[in-house]
Amino acid sequence: MKKWVLSLVLAGSVFGLAACGNSGNSAVVKTKAGNVTKDELYNAMKDKYGSTVLQQLTIEKVLSKKYTVKKSEVDKQVNDAKKQLGSSFDTALQQYGYANEKDFRNSVKVGLLEQKAAEATIHPTEKQLKNYYNNDIKPEIKARHILVSSKSKAEDIKKQLDKGADFATLAKKNSTDTATASKGGDLGWFGAGEMDSDFENAAYKLKVNEISGPVKTSYGYHIIQLTGEKKKKPYSEMKKDVVKQYKASKVTTEKIQSALKKELKAADVKVKDEDLKTTFDSLLGTSLSK
C-alpha cells in the first residue's frame, strides 16, 4: 500500500462561513427559544478553530508569493490518498475534520508549499548526491499483493499459491485492500519511499515472479509477488530526480518550522486580532500582535 504522509489538519473553509452577509446580527438559525446570529457563529468558530485556520491561511498566502504548487501536484497527492483509502476516503476526511474534498485539497496545497520552503534550505554537495544515488536510489519495481488481517490467513493463502492457485483470483476473493483487489492485487510501478517501509523492504528483496511469505505492516499481513523490475539509470541521467529525492528525504518537522519562521518574519506578518495574537507564538518564539 502506498505511503500517505500528508499532515491532516483542519481546513480553513469552515471559518469563512461566518464572513458571509453584511449584518452580524442577522439570524443564521431561528428558533422559538431565540436566534443564532452570524456574530455568535463567527465568535464560536473563531474560539474553536481560529488559530488553526488563521495559521493555515497566512502560511498559504505568504508561501504562495515565493513558491508554486501545481494543480497536478495536488491531484497526485489526493489521488494517492484515494487509492490507498479506497471506499473509506470520504469517511477518513470526516474523521480528520474535513467538510469535503475541497477542504482536504486546500490542506494538501499548504503541506506542499511547506515542503518546498523547507527543501529550498537544503543544499547538497555533489558527493552527498552521488552517495545518495549509490545507496538509496533503487530502480522502480512492479508488484501485486494480497492483504489480510491475520498471519494464519496469509499463511493459508501462501500455501494455496505454492500449490498452483492463481494469484489474481485469490486477491479478488481475499484481499482487504479494496483499491487493488479488483485488479488482482496489482499495485503498479513504484520506487523507493512510496510504500510502507516494511512492505518496500520485503518487495525489493524478491526476484521477479517470486512470492513472499507473510509480511506484517500496520495495515495487516501481505503476500507480495514481484512482477517487474526496471534497470537503474546512470547518475548523469537521473541527477535532477536524485536532487529532488535527496531534498525530500531530508525534510523534517524541524526544517519546516525553521523555514516557516524565516518566511513569516520576512513577510512582516502581524496579528491584529487580540483574540488570536498568540497564533504564531509557538512557531516563531515571539508574538506577532504588535
C-alpha atoms as a PDB file:
ATOM      1  CA  MET A   1       0.000   0.000   0.000  1.00  0.00           C
ATOM      2  CA  LYS A   2       1.373   3.384  -0.930  1.00  0.00           C
ATOM      3  CA  LYS A   3       2.561   5.539   1.907  1.00  0.00           C
ATOM      4  CA  TRP A   4       0.434   8.588   2.637  1.00  0.00           C
ATOM      5  CA  VAL A   5       2.427  11.039   4.698  1.00  0.00           C
ATOM      6  CA  LEU A   6       0.423  14.192   4.357  1.00  0.00           C
ATOM      7  CA  SER A   7      -0.356  16.055   7.545  1.00  0.00           C
ATOM      8  CA  LEU A   8      -4.100  16.018   8.167  1.00  0.00           C
ATOM      9  CA  VAL A   9      -5.110  19.349   9.696  1.00  0.00           C
ATOM     10  CA  LEU A  10      -8.397  21.195   9.910  1.00  0.00           C
ATOM     11  CA  ALA A  11      -9.054  23.040   6.653  1.00  0.00           C
ATOM     12  CA  GLY A  12      -9.997  26.688   6.640  1.00  0.00           C
ATOM     13  CA  SER A  13     -13.185  26.951   4.619  1.00  0.00           C
ATOM     14  CA  VAL A  14     -15.437  26.451   7.645  1.00  0.00           C
ATOM     15  CA  PHE A  15     -14.055  29.665   9.119  1.00  0.00           C
ATOM     16  CA  GLY A  16     -15.104  31.640   6.067  1.00  0.00           C
ATOM     17  CA  LEU A  17     -18.776  30.808   6.564  1.00  0.00           C
ATOM     18  CA  ALA A  18     -19.084  33.386   9.298  1.00  0.00           C
ATOM     19  CA  ALA A  19     -17.981  36.172   6.989  1.00  0.00           C
ATOM     20  CA  CYS A  20     -20.985  35.802   4.662  1.00  0.00           C
ATOM     21  CA  GLY A  21     -23.572  38.577   4.661  1.00  0.00           C
ATOM     22  CA  ASN A  22     -23.414  42.157   5.855  1.00  0.00           C
ATOM     23  CA  SER A  23     -25.173  42.154   9.198  1.00  0.00           C
ATOM     24  CA  GLY A  24     -23.522  40.393  12.096  1.00  0.00           C
ATOM     25  CA  ASN A  25     -26.838  40.358  13.970  1.00  0.00           C
ATOM     26  CA  SER A  26     -28.837  38.662  11.216  1.00  0.00           C
ATOM     27  CA  ALA A  27     -30.019  35.178  12.067  1.00  0.00           C
ATOM     28  CA  VAL A  28     -28.345  32.068  10.790  1.00  0.00           C
ATOM     29  CA  VAL A  29     -30.837  29.909  12.679  1.00  0.00           C
ATOM     30  CA  LYS A  30     -34.212  30.989  14.054  1.00  0.00           C
ATOM     31  CA  THR A  31     -35.922  29.177  16.930  1.00  0.00           C
ATOM     32  CA  LYS A  32     -38.681  29.878  19.403  1.00  0.00           C
ATOM     33  CA  ALA A  33     -36.021  29.907  22.096  1.00  0.00           C
ATOM     34  CA  GLY A  34     -34.046  32.602  20.305  1.00  0.00           C
ATOM     35  CA  ASN A  35     -31.921  33.082  17.203  1.00  0.00           C
ATOM     36  CA  VAL A  36     -28.308  32.165  16.449  1.00  0.00           C
ATOM     37  CA  THR A  37     -26.750  35.236  14.826  1.00  0.00           C
ATOM     38  CA  LYS A  38     -23.834  35.465  12.435  1.00  0.00           C
ATOM     39  CA  ASP A  39     -21.792  37.197  15.109  1.00  0.00           C
ATOM     40  CA  GLU A  40     -22.396  34.324  17.503  1.00  0.00           C
ATOM     41  CA  LEU A  41     -21.474  31.792  14.846  1.00  0.00           C
ATOM     42  CA  TYR A  42     -18.338  33.745  13.919  1.00  0.00           C
ATOM     43  CA  ASN A  43     -17.172  34.078  17.521  1.00  0.00           C
ATOM     44  CA  ALA A  44     -17.847  30.413  18.273  1.00  0.00           C
ATOM     45  CA  MET A  45     -15.879  29.282  15.222  1.00  0.00           C
ATOM     46  CA  LYS A  46     -13.083  31.727  15.995  1.00  0.00           C
ATOM     47  CA  ASP A  47     -12.779  30.372  19.524  1.00  0.00           C
ATOM     48  CA  LYS A  48     -12.743  26.767  18.337  1.00  0.00           C
ATOM     49  CA  TYR A  49     -10.881  26.929  15.032  1.00  0.00           C
ATOM     50  CA  GLY A  50      -9.495  30.455  14.749  1.00  0.00           C
ATOM     51  CA  SER A  51      -5.808  29.891  15.422  1.00  0.00           C
ATOM     52  CA  THR A  52      -5.597  26.771  13.250  1.00  0.00           C
ATOM     53  CA  VAL A  53      -7.375  28.394  10.322  1.00  0.00           C
ATOM     54  CA  LEU A  54      -5.550  31.724  10.617  1.00  0.00           C
ATOM     55  CA  GLN A  55      -2.203  29.940  10.629  1.00  0.00           C
ATOM     56  CA  GLN A  56      -3.077  27.920   7.536  1.00  0.00           C
ATOM     57  CA  LEU A  57      -4.449  30.905   5.612  1.00  0.00           C
ATOM     58  CA  THR A  58      -1.438  33.076   6.482  1.00  0.00           C
ATOM     59  CA  ILE A  59       1.126  30.404   5.629  1.00  0.00           C
ATOM     60  CA  GLU A  60      -0.583  29.748   2.292  1.00  0.00           C
ATOM     61  CA  LYS A  61      -0.644  33.456   1.407  1.00  0.00           C
ATOM     62  CA  VAL A  62       2.993  34.060   2.408  1.00  0.00           C
ATOM     63  CA  LEU A  63       4.476  30.958   0.785  1.00  0.00           C
ATOM     64  CA  SER A  64       2.420  31.289  -2.411  1.00  0.00           C
ATOM     65  CA  LYS A  65       4.266  34.542  -3.142  1.00  0.00           C
ATOM     66  CA  LYS A  66       7.551  32.649  -3.408  1.00  0.00           C
ATOM     67  CA  TYR A  67       6.712  29.024  -4.215  1.00  0.00           C
ATOM     68  CA  THR A  68       4.350  27.433  -6.734  1.00  0.00           C
ATOM     69  CA  VAL A  69       2.295  24.294  -6.252  1.00  0.00           C
ATOM     70  CA  LYS A  70       0.804  22.988  -9.486  1.00  0.00           C
ATOM     71  CA  LYS A  71      -2.680  21.549  -9.622  1.00  0.00           C
ATOM     72  CA  SER A  72      -1.146  18.309 -10.910  1.00  0.00           C
ATOM     73  CA  GLU A  73       0.943  18.035  -7.719  1.00  0.00           C
ATOM     74  CA  VAL A  74      -2.147  18.351  -5.537  1.00  0.00           C
ATOM     75  CA  ASP A  75      -4.032  15.936  -7.800  1.00  0.00           C
ATOM     76  CA  LYS A  76      -1.309  13.316  -7.357  1.00  0.00           C
ATOM     77  CA  GLN A  77      -1.405  13.510  -3.565  1.00  0.00           C
ATOM     78  CA  VAL A  78      -5.198  13.410  -3.455  1.00  0.00           C
ATOM     79  CA  ASN A  79      -5.359  10.515  -5.935  1.00  0.00           C
ATOM     80  CA  ASP A  80      -2.738   8.595  -3.931  1.00  0.00           C
ATOM     81  CA  ALA A  81      -4.893   9.072  -0.831  1.00  0.00           C
ATOM     82  CA  LYS A  82      -7.969   7.863  -2.701  1.00  0.00           C
ATOM     83  CA  LYS A  83      -6.145   4.791  -3.976  1.00  0.00           C
ATOM     84  CA  GLN A  84      -4.881   3.943  -0.515  1.00  0.00           C
ATOM     85  CA  LEU A  85      -8.152   4.566   1.328  1.00  0.00           C
ATOM     86  CA  GLY A  86     -10.481   3.294  -1.387  1.00  0.00           C
ATOM     87  CA  SER A  87     -14.129   3.441  -0.325  1.00  0.00           C
ATOM     88  CA  SER A  88     -13.048   4.777   3.092  1.00  0.00           C
ATOM     89  CA  PHE A  89     -11.793   8.078   1.626  1.00  0.00           C
ATOM     90  CA  ASP A  90     -14.849  10.204   2.477  1.00  0.00           C
ATOM     91  CA  THR A  91     -15.143   8.671   5.925  1.00  0.00           C
ATOM     92  CA  ALA A  92     -11.467   9.374   6.629  1.00  0.00           C
ATOM     93  CA  LEU A  93     -11.890  13.031   5.648  1.00  0.00           C
ATOM     94  CA  GLN A  94     -14.769  13.387   8.093  1.00  0.00           C
ATOM     95  CA  GLN A  95     -12.782  11.716  10.859  1.00  0.00           C
ATOM     96  CA  TYR A  96      -9.960  14.231  10.412  1.00  0.00           C
ATOM     97  CA  GLY A  97     -12.285  17.235  10.427  1.00  0.00           C
ATOM     98  CA  TYR A  98     -12.705  17.949   6.717  1.00  0.00           C
ATOM     99  CA  ALA A  99     -16.053  19.141   5.416  1.00  0.00           C
ATOM    100  CA  ASN A 100     -15.337  17.821   1.925  1.00  0.00           C
ATOM    101  CA  GLU A 101     -12.627  17.072  -0.617  1.00  0.00           C
ATOM    102  CA  LYS A 102     -12.085  20.772  -1.330  1.00  0.00           C
ATOM    103  CA  ASP A 103     -11.045  21.309   2.285  1.00  0.00           C
ATOM    104  CA  PHE A 104      -8.620  18.407   2.017  1.00  0.00           C
ATOM    105  CA  ARG A 105      -7.139  19.737  -1.229  1.00  0.00           C
ATOM    106  CA  ASN A 106      -6.502  23.118   0.430  1.00  0.00           C
ATOM    107  CA  SER A 107      -4.600  21.400   3.224  1.00  0.00           C
ATOM    108  CA  VAL A 108      -2.601  19.325   0.723  1.00  0.00           C
ATOM    109  CA  LYS A 109      -1.599  22.516  -1.081  1.00  0.00           C
ATOM    110  CA  VAL A 110      -0.368  24.130   2.143  1.00  0.00           C
ATOM    111  CA  GLY A 111       1.563  20.977   3.023  1.00  0.00           C
ATOM    112  CA  LEU A 112       3.293  21.012  -0.367  1.00  0.00           C
ATOM    113  CA  LEU A 113       4.128  24.708  -0.008  1.00  0.00           C
ATOM    114  CA  GLU A 114       5.701  23.999   3.384  1.00  0.00           C
ATOM    115  CA  GLN A 115       7.712  21.146   1.896  1.00  0.00           C
ATOM    116  CA  LYS A 116       9.002  23.357  -0.926  1.00  0.00           C
ATOM    117  CA  ALA A 117      10.011  26.056   1.570  1.00  0.00           C
ATOM    118  CA  ALA A 118      11.935  23.506   3.625  1.00  0.00           C
ATOM    119  CA  GLU A 119      13.590  21.952   0.560  1.00  0.00           C
ATOM    120  CA  ALA A 120      14.795  25.393  -0.529  1.00  0.00           C
ATOM    121  CA  THR A 121      17.016  25.485   2.574  1.00  0.00           C
ATOM    122  CA  ILE A 122      18.745  22.183   1.698  1.00  0.00           C
ATOM    123  CA  HIS A 123      21.894  22.468  -0.448  1.00  0.00           C
ATOM    124  CA  PRO A 124      23.520  19.060  -1.046  1.00  0.00           C
ATOM    125  CA  THR A 125      27.080  18.653  -2.334  1.00  0.00           C
ATOM    126  CA  GLU A 126      27.921  16.530  -5.355  1.00  0.00           C
ATOM    127  CA  LYS A 127      29.442  13.934  -3.036  1.00  0.00           C
ATOM    128  CA  GLN A 128      26.247  13.725  -0.967  1.00  0.00           C
ATOM    129  CA  LEU A 129      24.147  13.327  -4.105  1.00  0.00           C
ATOM    130  CA  LYS A 130      26.333  10.553  -5.509  1.00  0.00           C
ATOM    131  CA  ASN A 131      26.337   8.721  -2.167  1.00  0.00           C
ATOM    132  CA  TYR A 132      22.566   9.014  -2.070  1.00  0.00           C
ATOM    133  CA  TYR A 133      22.317   7.685  -5.642  1.00  0.00           C
ATOM    134  CA  ASN A 134      24.564   4.705  -4.851  1.00  0.00           C
ATOM    135  CA  ASN A 135      22.980   3.774  -1.523  1.00  0.00           C
ATOM    136  CA  ASP A 136      19.367   4.964  -1.575  1.00  0.00           C
ATOM    137  CA  ILE A 137      18.117   5.234  -5.149  1.00  0.00           C
ATOM    138  CA  LYS A 138      16.502   1.995  -6.209  1.00  0.00           C
ATOM    139  CA  PRO A 139      15.039   1.052  -9.604  1.00  0.00           C
ATOM    140  CA  GLU A 140      11.285   1.072  -9.978  1.00  0.00           C
ATOM    141  CA  ILE A 141       9.590  -2.250  -9.400  1.00  0.00           C
ATOM    142  CA  LYS A 142       6.127  -3.587 -10.059  1.00  0.00           C
ATOM    143  CA  ALA A 143       4.283  -5.809  -7.629  1.00  0.00           C
ATOM    144  CA  ARG A 144       0.920  -7.180  -6.610  1.00  0.00           C
ATOM    145  CA  HIS A 145      -0.254  -8.197  -3.169  1.00  0.00           C
ATOM    146  CA  ILE A 146      -2.967  -9.824  -1.122  1.00  0.00           C
ATOM    147  CA  LEU A 147      -3.734  -8.093   2.165  1.00  0.00           C
ATOM    148  CA  VAL A 148      -5.448  -9.944   5.016  1.00  0.00           C
ATOM    149  CA  SER A 149      -5.950  -9.295   8.723  1.00  0.00           C
ATOM    150  CA  SER A 150      -4.193 -12.307  10.234  1.00  0.00           C
ATOM    151  CA  LYS A 151      -0.916 -14.159   9.821  1.00  0.00           C
ATOM    152  CA  SER A 152      -2.682 -17.529   9.725  1.00  0.00           C
ATOM    153  CA  LYS A 153      -4.871 -16.339   6.840  1.00  0.00           C
ATOM    154  CA  ALA A 154      -1.789 -15.104   4.970  1.00  0.00           C
ATOM    155  CA  GLU A 155      -0.018 -18.421   5.541  1.00  0.00           C
ATOM    156  CA  ASP A 156      -3.016 -20.315   4.208  1.00  0.00           C
ATOM    157  CA  ILE A 157      -3.044 -18.167   1.050  1.00  0.00           C
ATOM    158  CA  LYS A 158       0.693 -18.730   0.577  1.00  0.00           C
ATOM    159  CA  LYS A 159       0.129 -22.491   0.757  1.00  0.00           C
ATOM    160  CA  GLN A 160      -2.550 -22.255  -1.917  1.00  0.00           C
ATOM    161  CA  LEU A 161      -0.218 -20.250  -4.152  1.00  0.00           C
ATOM    162  CA  ASP A 162       2.578 -22.773  -3.639  1.00  0.00           C
ATOM    163  CA  LYS A 163       0.183 -25.459  -4.876  1.00  0.00           C
ATOM    164  CA  GLY A 164      -0.525 -23.508  -8.052  1.00  0.00           C
ATOM    165  CA  ALA A 165      -3.520 -21.326  -7.192  1.00  0.00           C
ATOM    166  CA  ASP A 166      -3.982 -18.178  -9.295  1.00  0.00           C
ATOM    167  CA  PHE A 167      -2.692 -15.056  -7.517  1.00  0.00           C
ATOM    168  CA  ALA A 168      -5.203 -12.642  -9.073  1.00  0.00           C
ATOM    169  CA  THR A 169      -8.129 -14.887  -8.234  1.00  0.00           C
ATOM    170  CA  LEU A 170      -7.082 -15.169  -4.598  1.00  0.00           C
ATOM    171  CA  ALA A 171      -6.529 -11.403  -4.400  1.00  0.00           C
ATOM    172  CA  LYS A 172     -10.029 -10.667  -5.687  1.00  0.00           C
ATOM    173  CA  LYS A 173     -11.504 -13.145  -3.249  1.00  0.00           C
ATOM    174  CA  ASN A 174      -9.487 -12.396  -0.109  1.00  0.00           C
ATOM    175  CA  SER A 175      -7.655  -9.054  -0.198  1.00  0.00           C
ATOM    176  CA  THR A 176      -8.951  -6.349   2.117  1.00  0.00           C
ATOM    177  CA  ASP A 177      -7.209  -3.704   0.018  1.00  0.00           C
ATOM    178  CA  THR A 178     -10.327  -2.740  -1.893  1.00  0.00           C
ATOM    179  CA  ALA A 179      -8.425  -0.346  -4.150  1.00  0.00           C
ATOM    180  CA  THR A 180      -6.357  -3.173  -5.695  1.00  0.00           C
ATOM    181  CA  ALA A 181      -8.334  -6.355  -5.058  1.00  0.00           C
ATOM    182  CA  SER A 182     -10.468  -5.924  -8.177  1.00  0.00           C
ATOM    183  CA  LYS A 183      -7.249  -5.649 -10.213  1.00  0.00           C
ATOM    184  CA  GLY A 184      -5.864  -8.904  -8.874  1.00  0.00           C
ATOM    185  CA  GLY A 185      -3.832  -7.059  -6.248  1.00  0.00           C
ATOM    186  CA  ASP A 186      -1.813  -5.083  -8.820  1.00  0.00           C
ATOM    187  CA  LEU A 187      -0.019  -2.082  -7.294  1.00  0.00           C
ATOM    188  CA  GLY A 188       1.612  -0.882 -10.490  1.00  0.00           C
ATOM    189  CA  TRP A 189       5.123   0.551 -10.655  1.00  0.00           C
ATOM    190  CA  PHE A 190       6.651   2.259  -7.624  1.00  0.00           C
ATOM    191  CA  GLY A 191      10.032   3.361  -6.345  1.00  0.00           C
ATOM    192  CA  ALA A 192      11.809   3.729  -3.034  1.00  0.00           C
ATOM    193  CA  GLY A 193       9.952   5.701  -0.387  1.00  0.00           C
ATOM    194  CA  GLU A 194       6.488   5.297  -1.893  1.00  0.00           C
ATOM    195  CA  MET A 195       5.371   2.322   0.171  1.00  0.00           C
ATOM    196  CA  ASP A 196       5.241   1.363   3.808  1.00  0.00           C
ATOM    197  CA  SER A 197       8.891   0.681   4.727  1.00  0.00           C
ATOM    198  CA  ASP A 198       8.310  -2.935   5.827  1.00  0.00           C
ATOM    199  CA  PHE A 199       6.378  -3.660   2.637  1.00  0.00           C
ATOM    200  CA  GLU A 200       9.025  -1.964   0.497  1.00  0.00           C
ATOM    201  CA  ASN A 201      11.937  -3.804   2.114  1.00  0.00           C
ATOM    202  CA  ALA A 202      10.253  -7.156   1.521  1.00  0.00           C
ATOM    203  CA  ALA A 203       9.304  -6.328  -2.082  1.00  0.00           C
ATOM    204  CA  TYR A 204      12.825  -5.240  -3.057  1.00  0.00           C
ATOM    205  CA  LYS A 205      14.291  -8.492  -1.735  1.00  0.00           C
ATOM    206  CA  LEU A 206      12.186 -10.570  -4.145  1.00  0.00           C
ATOM    207  CA  LYS A 207      13.198 -11.783  -7.593  1.00  0.00           C
ATOM    208  CA  VAL A 208      10.805 -11.259 -10.490  1.00  0.00           C
ATOM    209  CA  ASN A 209       7.806 -13.628 -10.146  1.00  0.00           C
ATOM    210  CA  GLU A 210       8.889 -14.702  -6.639  1.00  0.00           C
ATOM    211  CA  ILE A 211       6.171 -14.704  -3.957  1.00  0.00           C
ATOM    212  CA  SER A 212       6.893 -13.701  -0.385  1.00  0.00           C
ATOM    213  CA  GLY A 213       5.720 -15.254   2.835  1.00  0.00           C
ATOM    214  CA  PRO A 214       3.505 -13.156   5.172  1.00  0.00           C
ATOM    215  CA  VAL A 215       4.810  -9.585   5.538  1.00  0.00           C
ATOM    216  CA  LYS A 216       3.474  -7.639   8.507  1.00  0.00           C
ATOM    217  CA  THR A 217       2.816  -3.889   8.238  1.00  0.00           C
ATOM    218  CA  SER A 218       0.495  -1.509  10.066  1.00  0.00           C
ATOM    219  CA  TYR A 219      -2.205  -2.443   7.532  1.00  0.00           C
ATOM    220  CA  GLY A 220      -2.156  -6.174   8.231  1.00  0.00           C
ATOM    221  CA  TYR A 221      -0.392  -9.131   6.585  1.00  0.00           C
ATOM    222  CA  HIS A 222       0.647  -9.094   2.935  1.00  0.00           C
ATOM    223  CA  ILE A 223       1.573 -11.781   0.436  1.00  0.00           C
ATOM    224  CA  ILE A 224       3.655  -9.997  -2.203  1.00  0.00           C
ATOM    225  CA  GLN A 225       4.665 -11.045  -5.696  1.00  0.00           C
ATOM    226  CA  LEU A 226       7.276  -9.070  -7.646  1.00  0.00           C
ATOM    227  CA  THR A 227       6.064  -8.858 -11.253  1.00  0.00           C
ATOM    228  CA  GLY A 228       8.585  -6.489 -12.835  1.00  0.00           C
ATOM    229  CA  GLU A 229      11.811  -4.560 -12.289  1.00  0.00           C
ATOM    230  CA  LYS A 230      13.329  -1.692 -14.250  1.00  0.00           C
ATOM    231  CA  LYS A 231      17.045  -1.094 -14.706  1.00  0.00           C
ATOM    232  CA  LYS A 232      18.539   1.734 -12.673  1.00  0.00           C
ATOM    233  CA  LYS A 233      19.530   4.664 -14.908  1.00  0.00           C
ATOM    234  CA  PRO A 234      23.020   6.216 -14.751  1.00  0.00           C
ATOM    235  CA  TYR A 235      23.583   9.059 -12.279  1.00  0.00           C
ATOM    236  CA  SER A 236      24.062  11.592 -15.082  1.00  0.00           C
ATOM    237  CA  GLU A 237      20.584  10.845 -16.432  1.00  0.00           C
ATOM    238  CA  MET A 238      18.940  10.844 -13.019  1.00  0.00           C
ATOM    239  CA  LYS A 239      20.623  13.819 -11.371  1.00  0.00           C
ATOM    240  CA  LYS A 240      17.506  16.024 -11.333  1.00  0.00           C
ATOM    241  CA  ASP A 241      15.474  13.260  -9.734  1.00  0.00           C
ATOM    242  CA  VAL A 242      18.302  12.480  -7.318  1.00  0.00           C
ATOM    243  CA  VAL A 243      18.396  16.101  -6.144  1.00  0.00           C
ATOM    244  CA  LYS A 244      14.617  16.131  -5.728  1.00  0.00           C
ATOM    245  CA  GLN A 245      14.510  12.855  -3.825  1.00  0.00           C
ATOM    246  CA  TYR A 246      17.514  13.772  -1.683  1.00  0.00           C
ATOM    247  CA  LYS A 247      15.934  17.043  -0.594  1.00  0.00           C
ATOM    248  CA  ALA A 248      12.580  15.384   0.089  1.00  0.00           C
ATOM    249  CA  SER A 249      14.299  12.749   2.226  1.00  0.00           C
ATOM    250  CA  LYS A 250      15.917  15.446   4.372  1.00  0.00           C
ATOM    251  CA  VAL A 251      12.726  17.389   5.122  1.00  0.00           C
ATOM    252  CA  THR A 252      11.820  17.143   8.799  1.00  0.00           C
ATOM    253  CA  THR A 253       9.300  18.869  11.029  1.00  0.00           C
ATOM    254  CA  GLU A 254      12.150  20.958  12.427  1.00  0.00           C
ATOM    255  CA  LYS A 255      13.256  22.070   8.947  1.00  0.00           C
ATOM    256  CA  ILE A 256       9.685  23.010   8.024  1.00  0.00           C
ATOM    257  CA  GLN A 257       9.267  25.040  11.217  1.00  0.00           C
ATOM    258  CA  SER A 258      12.609  26.760  10.644  1.00  0.00           C
ATOM    259  CA  ALA A 259      11.680  27.625   7.046  1.00  0.00           C
ATOM    260  CA  LEU A 260       8.240  28.913   8.078  1.00  0.00           C
ATOM    261  CA  LYS A 261       9.763  31.063  10.812  1.00  0.00           C
ATOM    262  CA  LYS A 262      12.120  32.624   8.280  1.00  0.00           C
ATOM    263  CA  GLU A 263       9.396  33.214   5.654  1.00  0.00           C
ATOM    264  CA  LEU A 264       6.848  34.662   8.104  1.00  0.00           C
ATOM    265  CA  LYS A 265       9.381  37.064   9.585  1.00  0.00           C
ATOM    266  CA  ALA A 266      10.469  38.169   6.110  1.00  0.00           C
ATOM    267  CA  ALA A 267       6.819  38.829   5.216  1.00  0.00           C
ATOM    268  CA  ASP A 268       6.468  41.067   8.313  1.00  0.00           C
ATOM    269  CA  VAL A 269       3.339  39.246   9.495  1.00  0.00           C
ATOM    270  CA  LYS A 270       1.447  40.994  12.316  1.00  0.00           C
ATOM    271  CA  VAL A 271      -1.671  39.649  14.038  1.00  0.00           C
ATOM    272  CA  LYS A 272      -4.127  42.480  14.709  1.00  0.00           C
ATOM    273  CA  ASP A 273      -6.886  40.466  16.398  1.00  0.00           C
ATOM    274  CA  GLU A 274      -6.180  40.344  20.151  1.00  0.00           C
ATOM    275  CA  ASP A 275      -8.071  37.063  20.485  1.00  0.00           C
ATOM    276  CA  LEU A 276      -5.688  35.426  18.018  1.00  0.00           C
ATOM    277  CA  LYS A 277      -2.460  37.197  18.938  1.00  0.00           C
ATOM    278  CA  THR A 278      -0.736  34.016  20.136  1.00  0.00           C
ATOM    279  CA  THR A 279      -1.415  32.064  16.924  1.00  0.00           C
ATOM    280  CA  PHE A 280       2.214  32.079  15.757  1.00  0.00           C
ATOM    281  CA  ASP A 281       3.972  32.294  19.120  1.00  0.00           C
ATOM    282  CA  SER A 282       4.974  28.616  19.330  1.00  0.00           C
ATOM    283  CA  LEU A 283       6.289  28.693  15.755  1.00  0.00           C
ATOM    284  CA  LEU A 284       8.181  31.961  15.942  1.00  0.00           C
ATOM    285  CA  GLY A 285       9.000  32.176  19.611  1.00  0.00           C
ATOM    286  CA  THR A 286       7.532  35.694  19.728  1.00  0.00           C
ATOM    287  CA  SER A 287       4.179  37.447  19.356  1.00  0.00           C
ATOM    288  CA  LEU A 288       3.065  38.991  16.046  1.00  0.00           C
ATOM    289  CA  SER A 289       0.339  41.127  17.561  1.00  0.00           C
ATOM    290  CA  LYS A 290       2.275  44.401  17.505  1.00  0.00           C
END
